[in-house]
Amino acid sequence: MLKNRVKELRARHNFTQSDLGELVGATRQTVGMIEKGDYAPSVLLALKIAKALRVDLEEVFWIEGEEEK
């Protein structure tokens, strides 16, 4: 299962879900679903989110159970 820290990292930048959505070309609803783990973003969207949050992709998204590897 894909896990993420989008909500935490978004809050560090004082972005709303709408703010982040606008930066990455997604809706507020999509950002909310990603944060809750109800939606796995495409590779392109995941890369855009990481860039907008100014972190490496692996700091935002990981597969549960593989974080120790």
N, C-alpha and C. Protein backbone atom coordinates (compact mmCIF):
# COMPACT_ATOMS: atom_id res chain seq x y z
N MET A 1 0.84 -1.18 0.00
CA MET A 1 0.00 0.00 0.00
C MET A 1 0.89 1.25 0.00
N LEU A 2 0.50 2.21 -0.81
CA LEU A 2 1.25 3.46 -0.92
C LEU A 2 0.92 4.37 0.27
N LYS A 3 1.94 4.83 0.95
CA LYS A 3 1.79 5.75 2.07
C LYS A 3 2.35 7.10 1.67
N ASN A 4 1.95 8.17 2.40
CA ASN A 4 2.47 9.49 2.06
C ASN A 4 2.45 10.44 3.25
N ARG A 5 3.19 11.53 3.08
CA ARG A 5 3.26 12.60 4.07
C ARG A 5 2.79 13.92 3.45
N VAL A 6 1.90 13.85 2.48
CA VAL A 6 1.47 15.06 1.77
C VAL A 6 0.87 16.07 2.74
N LYS A 7 -0.03 15.64 3.60
CA LYS A 7 -0.71 16.57 4.52
C LYS A 7 0.30 17.28 5.42
N GLU A 8 1.21 16.52 6.00
CA GLU A 8 2.23 17.09 6.89
C GLU A 8 3.11 18.10 6.15
N LEU A 9 3.60 17.72 4.99
CA LEU A 9 4.49 18.59 4.24
C LEU A 9 3.75 19.80 3.67
N ARG A 10 2.51 19.61 3.28
CA ARG A 10 1.68 20.72 2.79
C ARG A 10 1.50 21.76 3.90
N ALA A 11 1.25 21.28 5.12
CA ALA A 11 1.06 22.19 6.25
C ALA A 11 2.32 23.00 6.56
N ARG A 12 3.49 22.39 6.37
CA ARG A 12 4.75 23.11 6.60
C ARG A 12 4.89 24.34 5.71
N HIS A 13 4.29 24.26 4.52
CA HIS A 13 4.34 25.37 3.57
C HIS A 13 3.11 26.26 3.66
N ASN A 14 2.25 25.98 4.63
CA ASN A 14 1.00 26.73 4.79
C ASN A 14 0.16 26.73 3.52
N PHE A 15 0.19 25.60 2.80
CA PHE A 15 -0.64 25.43 1.61
C PHE A 15 -1.96 24.81 2.01
N THR A 16 -3.04 25.27 1.42
CA THR A 16 -4.30 24.56 1.54
C THR A 16 -4.28 23.43 0.51
N GLN A 17 -5.26 22.54 0.59
CA GLN A 17 -5.36 21.51 -0.43
C GLN A 17 -5.56 22.15 -1.80
N SER A 18 -6.34 23.22 -1.84
CA SER A 18 -6.57 23.93 -3.10
C SER A 18 -5.28 24.55 -3.64
N ASP A 19 -4.48 25.15 -2.74
CA ASP A 19 -3.20 25.74 -3.15
C ASP A 19 -2.31 24.69 -3.81
N LEU A 20 -2.17 23.56 -3.14
CA LEU A 20 -1.31 22.50 -3.68
C LEU A 20 -1.89 21.98 -4.99
N GLY A 21 -3.19 21.81 -5.03
CA GLY A 21 -3.83 21.35 -6.26
C GLY A 21 -3.55 22.27 -7.43
N GLU A 22 -3.64 23.56 -7.20
CA GLU A 22 -3.36 24.52 -8.27
C GLU A 22 -1.92 24.43 -8.75
N LEU A 23 -0.99 24.23 -7.81
CA LEU A 23 0.43 24.13 -8.16
C LEU A 23 0.74 22.91 -9.02
N VAL A 24 -0.02 21.83 -8.80
CA VAL A 24 0.30 20.57 -9.47
C VAL A 24 -0.72 20.16 -10.54
N GLY A 25 -1.73 20.99 -10.75
CA GLY A 25 -2.72 20.69 -11.77
C GLY A 25 -3.72 19.63 -11.37
N ALA A 26 -4.10 19.65 -10.09
CA ALA A 26 -5.08 18.68 -9.57
C ALA A 26 -6.16 19.45 -8.80
N THR A 27 -7.25 18.77 -8.50
CA THR A 27 -8.31 19.41 -7.73
C THR A 27 -8.05 19.27 -6.23
N ARG A 28 -8.74 20.08 -5.45
CA ARG A 28 -8.67 19.97 -3.99
C ARG A 28 -9.10 18.57 -3.56
N GLN A 29 -10.12 18.05 -4.22
CA GLN A 29 -10.64 16.73 -3.87
C GLN A 29 -9.59 15.64 -4.11
N THR A 30 -8.84 15.77 -5.20
CA THR A 30 -7.79 14.79 -5.49
C THR A 30 -6.70 14.85 -4.43
N VAL A 31 -6.29 16.06 -4.05
CA VAL A 31 -5.27 16.20 -3.01
C VAL A 31 -5.77 15.57 -1.71
N GLY A 32 -7.01 15.81 -1.35
CA GLY A 32 -7.58 15.23 -0.14
C GLY A 32 -7.60 13.71 -0.19
N MET A 33 -7.96 13.16 -1.33
CA MET A 33 -7.99 11.70 -1.47
C MET A 33 -6.59 11.10 -1.39
N ILE A 34 -5.60 11.79 -1.95
CA ILE A 34 -4.21 11.33 -1.85
C ILE A 34 -3.78 11.34 -0.39
N GLU A 35 -4.08 12.43 0.33
CA GLU A 35 -3.68 12.54 1.74
C GLU A 35 -4.28 11.42 2.58
N LYS A 36 -5.52 11.05 2.29
CA LYS A 36 -6.19 9.98 3.06
C LYS A 36 -5.78 8.59 2.62
N GLY A 37 -5.04 8.49 1.53
CA GLY A 37 -4.63 7.18 1.03
C GLY A 37 -5.70 6.51 0.20
N ASP A 38 -6.71 7.26 -0.21
CA ASP A 38 -7.80 6.70 -1.01
C ASP A 38 -7.50 6.75 -2.51
N TYR A 39 -6.41 7.40 -2.89
CA TYR A 39 -6.06 7.55 -4.30
C TYR A 39 -4.55 7.54 -4.44
N ALA A 40 -4.05 6.69 -5.33
CA ALA A 40 -2.62 6.64 -5.62
C ALA A 40 -2.37 7.51 -6.85
N PRO A 41 -1.58 8.57 -6.70
CA PRO A 41 -1.36 9.46 -7.84
C PRO A 41 -0.50 8.81 -8.92
N SER A 42 -0.61 9.32 -10.13
CA SER A 42 0.27 8.89 -11.20
C SER A 42 1.70 9.28 -10.84
N VAL A 43 2.64 8.69 -11.53
CA VAL A 43 4.05 9.04 -11.30
C VAL A 43 4.25 10.53 -11.57
N LEU A 44 3.66 11.04 -12.64
CA LEU A 44 3.81 12.45 -12.98
C LEU A 44 3.26 13.34 -11.88
N LEU A 45 2.07 13.03 -11.38
CA LEU A 45 1.48 13.85 -10.31
C LEU A 45 2.30 13.74 -9.03
N ALA A 46 2.77 12.55 -8.69
CA ALA A 46 3.60 12.38 -7.49
C ALA A 46 4.88 13.22 -7.59
N LEU A 47 5.50 13.24 -8.77
CA LEU A 47 6.70 14.05 -8.97
C LEU A 47 6.39 15.53 -8.84
N LYS A 48 5.25 15.97 -9.38
CA LYS A 48 4.86 17.38 -9.27
C LYS A 48 4.61 17.76 -7.82
N ILE A 49 3.99 16.86 -7.06
CA ILE A 49 3.72 17.14 -5.65
C ILE A 49 5.04 17.27 -4.89
N ALA A 50 5.96 16.35 -5.10
CA ALA A 50 7.26 16.42 -4.42
C ALA A 50 7.99 17.71 -4.77
N LYS A 51 7.94 18.10 -6.03
CA LYS A 51 8.61 19.34 -6.44
C LYS A 51 7.96 20.55 -5.78
N ALA A 52 6.63 20.59 -5.75
CA ALA A 52 5.92 21.71 -5.13
C ALA A 52 6.22 21.81 -3.63
N LEU A 53 6.43 20.65 -3.00
CA LEU A 53 6.72 20.62 -1.56
C LEU A 53 8.22 20.72 -1.28
N ARG A 54 9.02 20.79 -2.35
CA ARG A 54 10.47 20.99 -2.27
C ARG A 54 11.19 19.88 -1.50
N VAL A 55 10.79 18.64 -1.79
CA VAL A 55 11.43 17.48 -1.19
C VAL A 55 11.60 16.40 -2.25
N ASP A 56 12.43 15.41 -1.96
CA ASP A 56 12.58 14.27 -2.85
C ASP A 56 11.31 13.42 -2.81
N LEU A 57 11.04 12.75 -3.90
CA LEU A 57 9.85 11.91 -4.01
C LEU A 57 9.73 10.92 -2.86
N GLU A 58 10.86 10.32 -2.48
CA GLU A 58 10.86 9.31 -1.42
C GLU A 58 10.52 9.88 -0.05
N GLU A 59 10.64 11.19 0.12
CA GLU A 59 10.26 11.83 1.38
C GLU A 59 8.75 12.03 1.47
N VAL A 60 8.07 11.95 0.34
CA VAL A 60 6.62 12.15 0.31
C VAL A 60 5.88 10.82 0.21
N PHE A 61 6.33 9.95 -0.67
CA PHE A 61 5.62 8.69 -0.95
C PHE A 61 6.53 7.50 -0.72
N TRP A 62 5.97 6.40 -0.19
CA TRP A 62 6.70 5.15 -0.05
C TRP A 62 5.69 4.01 0.01
N ILE A 63 6.18 2.81 -0.25
CA ILE A 63 5.32 1.63 -0.17
C ILE A 63 5.43 1.08 1.23
N GLU A 64 4.29 0.88 1.87
CA GLU A 64 4.27 0.37 3.24
C GLU A 64 5.05 -0.93 3.34
N GLY A 65 5.90 -1.03 4.34
CA GLY A 65 6.71 -2.21 4.55
C GLY A 65 8.06 -2.16 3.87
N GLU A 66 8.28 -1.18 2.99
CA GLU A 66 9.56 -1.08 2.30
C GLU A 66 10.39 0.10 2.80
N GLU A 67 9.90 0.82 3.81
CA GLU A 67 10.64 2.00 4.27
C GLU A 67 11.95 1.65 4.96
N GLU A 68 12.10 0.41 5.46
CA GLU A 68 13.35 0.02 6.13
C GLU A 68 14.41 -0.40 5.13
N LYS A 69 14.04 -0.72 3.90
CA LYS A 69 14.98 -1.26 2.93
C LYS A 69 15.86 -0.21 2.32
